[in-house]
Amino acid sequence: MSPEQQMAIEAATFRRLLQHLDEHKEVQNIELMNLADFCRNCLAKWMVTAAGQEGVSLDYELAREHVYGMPYSEWKAKYQQEATPEQLAAFNARNG
């Protein structure tokens, strides 16, 4: 596999991950954090970091809009649910 092919495959995989998350808006970020120690916001932060490593300035809010498929404030209003006490307890136990 050439470096270009690897990059194309990795990019396609990332796009598929975003599509999968978009198709499962019912999955809350706190659930992702509790199960996998990352969430949609983490992906946006990683995008900003990767862009910076390439010498590209990427605003965090624009990265979140890319990850969420809409402005974060809109996604939050439409899809984010209040965390349950159990979810918060699991998050706090995991993160000390």
N, C-alpha and C. Protein backbone atom coordinates (compact mmCIF):
# COMPACT_ATOMS: atom_id res chain seq x y z
N MET A 1 0.85 -1.17 0.00
CA MET A 1 0.00 0.00 0.00
C MET A 1 0.90 1.24 0.00
N SER A 2 0.61 2.15 -0.88
CA SER A 2 1.40 3.38 -0.96
C SER A 2 0.95 4.34 0.15
N PRO A 3 1.78 5.32 0.49
CA PRO A 3 1.36 6.32 1.48
C PRO A 3 0.09 7.06 1.05
N GLU A 4 -0.06 7.31 -0.23
CA GLU A 4 -1.25 8.00 -0.73
C GLU A 4 -2.50 7.12 -0.57
N GLN A 5 -2.35 5.83 -0.85
CA GLN A 5 -3.47 4.91 -0.66
C GLN A 5 -3.85 4.81 0.81
N GLN A 6 -2.84 4.73 1.67
CA GLN A 6 -3.10 4.65 3.10
C GLN A 6 -3.85 5.90 3.56
N MET A 7 -3.41 7.08 3.12
CA MET A 7 -4.07 8.31 3.51
C MET A 7 -5.51 8.35 3.00
N ALA A 8 -5.74 7.90 1.78
CA ALA A 8 -7.09 7.87 1.22
C ALA A 8 -7.99 6.91 2.00
N ILE A 9 -7.45 5.77 2.36
CA ILE A 9 -8.22 4.78 3.13
C ILE A 9 -8.54 5.33 4.52
N GLU A 10 -7.56 5.95 5.16
CA GLU A 10 -7.80 6.51 6.48
C GLU A 10 -8.82 7.65 6.42
N ALA A 11 -8.74 8.48 5.40
CA ALA A 11 -9.70 9.58 5.24
C ALA A 11 -11.11 9.02 5.01
N ALA A 12 -11.23 8.00 4.18
CA ALA A 12 -12.53 7.38 3.93
C ALA A 12 -13.09 6.76 5.21
N THR A 13 -12.21 6.16 6.00
CA THR A 13 -12.64 5.56 7.26
C THR A 13 -13.14 6.63 8.22
N PHE A 14 -12.45 7.75 8.28
CA PHE A 14 -12.89 8.85 9.14
C PHE A 14 -14.24 9.40 8.68
N ARG A 15 -14.41 9.56 7.37
CA ARG A 15 -15.70 10.03 6.85
C ARG A 15 -16.81 9.04 7.21
N ARG A 16 -16.52 7.76 7.15
CA ARG A 16 -17.52 6.75 7.50
C ARG A 16 -17.84 6.79 8.99
N LEU A 17 -16.85 7.04 9.82
CA LEU A 17 -17.09 7.20 11.26
C LEU A 17 -18.02 8.39 11.50
N LEU A 18 -17.76 9.51 10.84
CA LEU A 18 -18.63 10.68 11.00
C LEU A 18 -20.05 10.37 10.52
N GLN A 19 -20.16 9.65 9.42
CA GLN A 19 -21.48 9.27 8.91
C GLN A 19 -22.19 8.38 9.92
N HIS A 20 -21.47 7.43 10.47
CA HIS A 20 -22.05 6.51 11.46
C HIS A 20 -22.55 7.28 12.69
N LEU A 21 -21.74 8.21 13.18
CA LEU A 21 -22.17 9.01 14.33
C LEU A 21 -23.37 9.87 13.97
N ASP A 22 -23.40 10.39 12.75
CA ASP A 22 -24.53 11.21 12.31
C ASP A 22 -25.80 10.37 12.23
N GLU A 23 -25.67 9.13 11.84
CA GLU A 23 -26.82 8.23 11.75
C GLU A 23 -27.30 7.76 13.13
N HIS A 24 -26.50 8.02 14.15
CA HIS A 24 -26.83 7.58 15.51
C HIS A 24 -26.74 8.76 16.48
N LYS A 25 -27.52 9.77 16.16
CA LYS A 25 -27.53 10.96 17.02
C LYS A 25 -28.03 10.65 18.43
N GLU A 26 -28.76 9.53 18.57
CA GLU A 26 -29.25 9.16 19.89
C GLU A 26 -28.11 8.79 20.84
N VAL A 27 -26.96 8.46 20.29
CA VAL A 27 -25.81 8.14 21.13
C VAL A 27 -25.22 9.45 21.64
N GLN A 28 -25.28 9.62 22.92
CA GLN A 28 -24.85 10.86 23.55
C GLN A 28 -23.34 10.86 23.76
N ASN A 29 -22.77 12.07 23.74
CA ASN A 29 -21.32 12.20 23.94
C ASN A 29 -20.86 11.60 25.25
N ILE A 30 -21.64 11.77 26.31
CA ILE A 30 -21.22 11.22 27.61
C ILE A 30 -21.16 9.69 27.54
N GLU A 31 -22.03 9.08 26.74
CA GLU A 31 -21.98 7.63 26.57
C GLU A 31 -20.70 7.22 25.84
N LEU A 32 -20.36 7.98 24.81
CA LEU A 32 -19.11 7.71 24.10
C LEU A 32 -17.92 7.87 25.03
N MET A 33 -17.93 8.94 25.84
CA MET A 33 -16.83 9.16 26.78
C MET A 33 -16.73 8.02 27.79
N ASN A 34 -17.87 7.58 28.30
CA ASN A 34 -17.86 6.51 29.30
C ASN A 34 -17.40 5.18 28.72
N LEU A 35 -17.76 4.91 27.48
CA LEU A 35 -17.42 3.63 26.87
C LEU A 35 -16.07 3.62 26.16
N ALA A 36 -15.74 4.72 25.49
CA ALA A 36 -14.57 4.71 24.62
C ALA A 36 -13.54 5.80 24.93
N ASP A 37 -13.86 6.65 25.90
CA ASP A 37 -12.95 7.73 26.32
C ASP A 37 -12.69 8.74 25.20
N PHE A 38 -13.67 8.92 24.31
CA PHE A 38 -13.63 10.00 23.33
C PHE A 38 -15.06 10.28 22.91
N CYS A 39 -15.27 11.47 22.34
CA CYS A 39 -16.60 11.84 21.87
C CYS A 39 -16.47 12.70 20.61
N ARG A 40 -17.58 13.21 20.14
CA ARG A 40 -17.57 14.04 18.95
C ARG A 40 -16.70 15.28 19.13
N ASN A 41 -16.74 15.86 20.33
CA ASN A 41 -15.90 17.04 20.59
C ASN A 41 -14.42 16.68 20.53
N CYS A 42 -14.07 15.50 21.00
CA CYS A 42 -12.68 15.05 20.91
C CYS A 42 -12.24 14.96 19.45
N LEU A 43 -13.11 14.43 18.60
CA LEU A 43 -12.77 14.34 17.17
C LEU A 43 -12.48 15.72 16.61
N ALA A 44 -13.30 16.71 16.99
CA ALA A 44 -13.08 18.07 16.51
C ALA A 44 -11.75 18.62 17.02
N LYS A 45 -11.43 18.34 18.28
CA LYS A 45 -10.15 18.80 18.83
C LYS A 45 -8.98 18.14 18.11
N TRP A 46 -9.14 16.85 17.81
CA TRP A 46 -8.08 16.15 17.09
C TRP A 46 -7.91 16.72 15.68
N MET A 47 -9.02 17.13 15.06
CA MET A 47 -8.93 17.76 13.74
C MET A 47 -8.15 19.07 13.81
N VAL A 48 -8.43 19.88 14.83
CA VAL A 48 -7.72 21.15 15.00
C VAL A 48 -6.23 20.89 15.19
N THR A 49 -5.91 19.90 16.01
CA THR A 49 -4.50 19.56 16.25
C THR A 49 -3.83 19.08 14.97
N ALA A 50 -4.48 18.19 14.24
CA ALA A 50 -3.91 17.67 13.00
C ALA A 50 -3.73 18.79 11.98
N ALA A 51 -4.69 19.70 11.90
CA ALA A 51 -4.56 20.83 10.98
C ALA A 51 -3.35 21.67 11.36
N GLY A 52 -3.19 21.94 12.65
CA GLY A 52 -2.05 22.72 13.10
C GLY A 52 -0.73 22.05 12.76
N GLN A 53 -0.68 20.73 12.85
CA GLN A 53 0.54 20.00 12.51
C GLN A 53 0.86 20.11 11.02
N GLU A 54 -0.15 20.39 10.24
CA GLU A 54 0.04 20.58 8.79
C GLU A 54 0.21 22.06 8.43
N GLY A 55 0.28 22.91 9.46
CA GLY A 55 0.45 24.33 9.22
C GLY A 55 -0.83 25.04 8.79
N VAL A 56 -1.97 24.41 9.07
CA VAL A 56 -3.27 24.96 8.68
C VAL A 56 -4.00 25.41 9.95
N SER A 57 -4.52 26.61 9.92
CA SER A 57 -5.31 27.10 11.05
C SER A 57 -6.75 26.64 10.87
N LEU A 58 -7.28 25.93 11.86
CA LEU A 58 -8.66 25.46 11.82
C LEU A 58 -9.33 25.84 13.12
N ASP A 59 -10.37 26.63 13.03
CA ASP A 59 -11.14 27.06 14.19
C ASP A 59 -11.88 25.87 14.79
N TYR A 60 -11.86 25.76 16.11
CA TYR A 60 -12.52 24.65 16.81
C TYR A 60 -14.00 24.57 16.47
N GLU A 61 -14.69 25.70 16.44
CA GLU A 61 -16.12 25.67 16.13
C GLU A 61 -16.38 25.18 14.71
N LEU A 62 -15.51 25.54 13.77
CA LEU A 62 -15.66 25.02 12.40
C LEU A 62 -15.40 23.52 12.36
N ALA A 63 -14.43 23.07 13.14
CA ALA A 63 -14.16 21.63 13.22
C ALA A 63 -15.36 20.90 13.81
N ARG A 64 -15.95 21.46 14.85
CA ARG A 64 -17.14 20.83 15.45
C ARG A 64 -18.29 20.80 14.45
N GLU A 65 -18.45 21.87 13.68
CA GLU A 65 -19.51 21.87 12.67
C GLU A 65 -19.27 20.76 11.64
N HIS A 66 -18.03 20.52 11.30
CA HIS A 66 -17.71 19.42 10.37
C HIS A 66 -18.07 18.07 11.00
N VAL A 67 -17.71 17.88 12.25
CA VAL A 67 -17.96 16.61 12.93
C VAL A 67 -19.46 16.39 13.15
N TYR A 68 -20.15 17.42 13.59
CA TYR A 68 -21.58 17.31 13.91
C TYR A 68 -22.48 17.43 12.68
N GLY A 69 -21.95 17.95 11.59
CA GLY A 69 -22.76 18.14 10.38
C GLY A 69 -23.65 19.36 10.45
N MET A 70 -23.46 20.17 11.45
CA MET A 70 -24.23 21.40 11.66
C MET A 70 -23.55 22.16 12.79
N PRO A 71 -23.89 23.42 12.98
CA PRO A 71 -23.31 24.12 14.13
C PRO A 71 -23.61 23.36 15.43
N TYR A 72 -22.63 23.33 16.31
CA TYR A 72 -22.78 22.58 17.56
C TYR A 72 -24.00 23.04 18.34
N SER A 73 -24.25 24.33 18.38
CA SER A 73 -25.39 24.84 19.15
C SER A 73 -26.71 24.27 18.62
N GLU A 74 -26.79 24.11 17.31
CA GLU A 74 -27.99 23.52 16.70
C GLU A 74 -28.11 22.05 17.06
N TRP A 75 -27.01 21.31 16.94
CA TRP A 75 -27.01 19.89 17.28
C TRP A 75 -27.40 19.70 18.75
N LYS A 76 -26.81 20.53 19.61
CA LYS A 76 -27.07 20.42 21.04
C LYS A 76 -28.55 20.66 21.34
N ALA A 77 -29.13 21.67 20.72
CA ALA A 77 -30.55 21.97 20.95
C ALA A 77 -31.46 20.85 20.45
N LYS A 78 -31.09 20.23 19.34
CA LYS A 78 -31.94 19.19 18.73
C LYS A 78 -31.75 17.81 19.35
N TYR A 79 -30.52 17.47 19.69
CA TYR A 79 -30.22 16.06 20.00
C TYR A 79 -29.63 15.79 21.37
N GLN A 80 -28.99 16.76 22.00
CA GLN A 80 -28.33 16.47 23.27
C GLN A 80 -29.35 16.36 24.39
N GLN A 81 -29.23 15.28 25.13
CA GLN A 81 -30.10 15.05 26.27
C GLN A 81 -29.32 15.33 27.55
N GLU A 82 -30.04 15.62 28.60
CA GLU A 82 -29.40 15.82 29.89
C GLU A 82 -28.80 14.49 30.35
N ALA A 83 -27.59 14.55 30.85
CA ALA A 83 -26.94 13.34 31.35
C ALA A 83 -27.68 12.84 32.59
N THR A 84 -27.81 11.54 32.66
CA THR A 84 -28.45 10.94 33.83
C THR A 84 -27.47 10.93 35.00
N PRO A 85 -27.98 10.81 36.20
CA PRO A 85 -27.07 10.69 37.35
C PRO A 85 -26.11 9.50 37.20
N GLU A 86 -26.60 8.41 36.62
CA GLU A 86 -25.74 7.23 36.42
C GLU A 86 -24.62 7.54 35.42
N GLN A 87 -24.96 8.24 34.34
CA GLN A 87 -23.95 8.60 33.35
C GLN A 87 -22.90 9.52 33.96
N LEU A 88 -23.35 10.49 34.71
CA LEU A 88 -22.42 11.42 35.36
C LEU A 88 -21.53 10.70 36.38
N ALA A 89 -22.10 9.78 37.13
CA ALA A 89 -21.30 9.02 38.11
C ALA A 89 -20.25 8.18 37.40
N ALA A 90 -20.62 7.54 36.30
CA ALA A 90 -19.66 6.74 35.54
C ALA A 90 -18.57 7.62 34.95
N PHE A 91 -18.95 8.78 34.45
CA PHE A 91 -17.97 9.72 33.89
C PHE A 91 -16.99 10.18 34.98
N ASN A 92 -17.55 10.57 36.12
CA ASN A 92 -16.70 11.05 37.22
C ASN A 92 -15.80 9.95 37.76
N ALA A 93 -16.30 8.72 37.83
CA ALA A 93 -15.48 7.60 38.30
C ALA A 93 -14.33 7.33 37.35
N ARG A 94 -14.62 7.46 36.05
CA ARG A 94 -13.60 7.19 35.03
C ARG A 94 -12.54 8.29 35.00
N ASN A 95 -12.96 9.51 35.25
CA ASN A 95 -12.06 10.67 35.11
C ASN A 95 -11.58 11.23 36.43
N GLY A 96 -11.88 10.54 37.50
CA GLY A 96 -11.36 10.95 38.80
C GLY A 96 -11.87 12.28 39.20
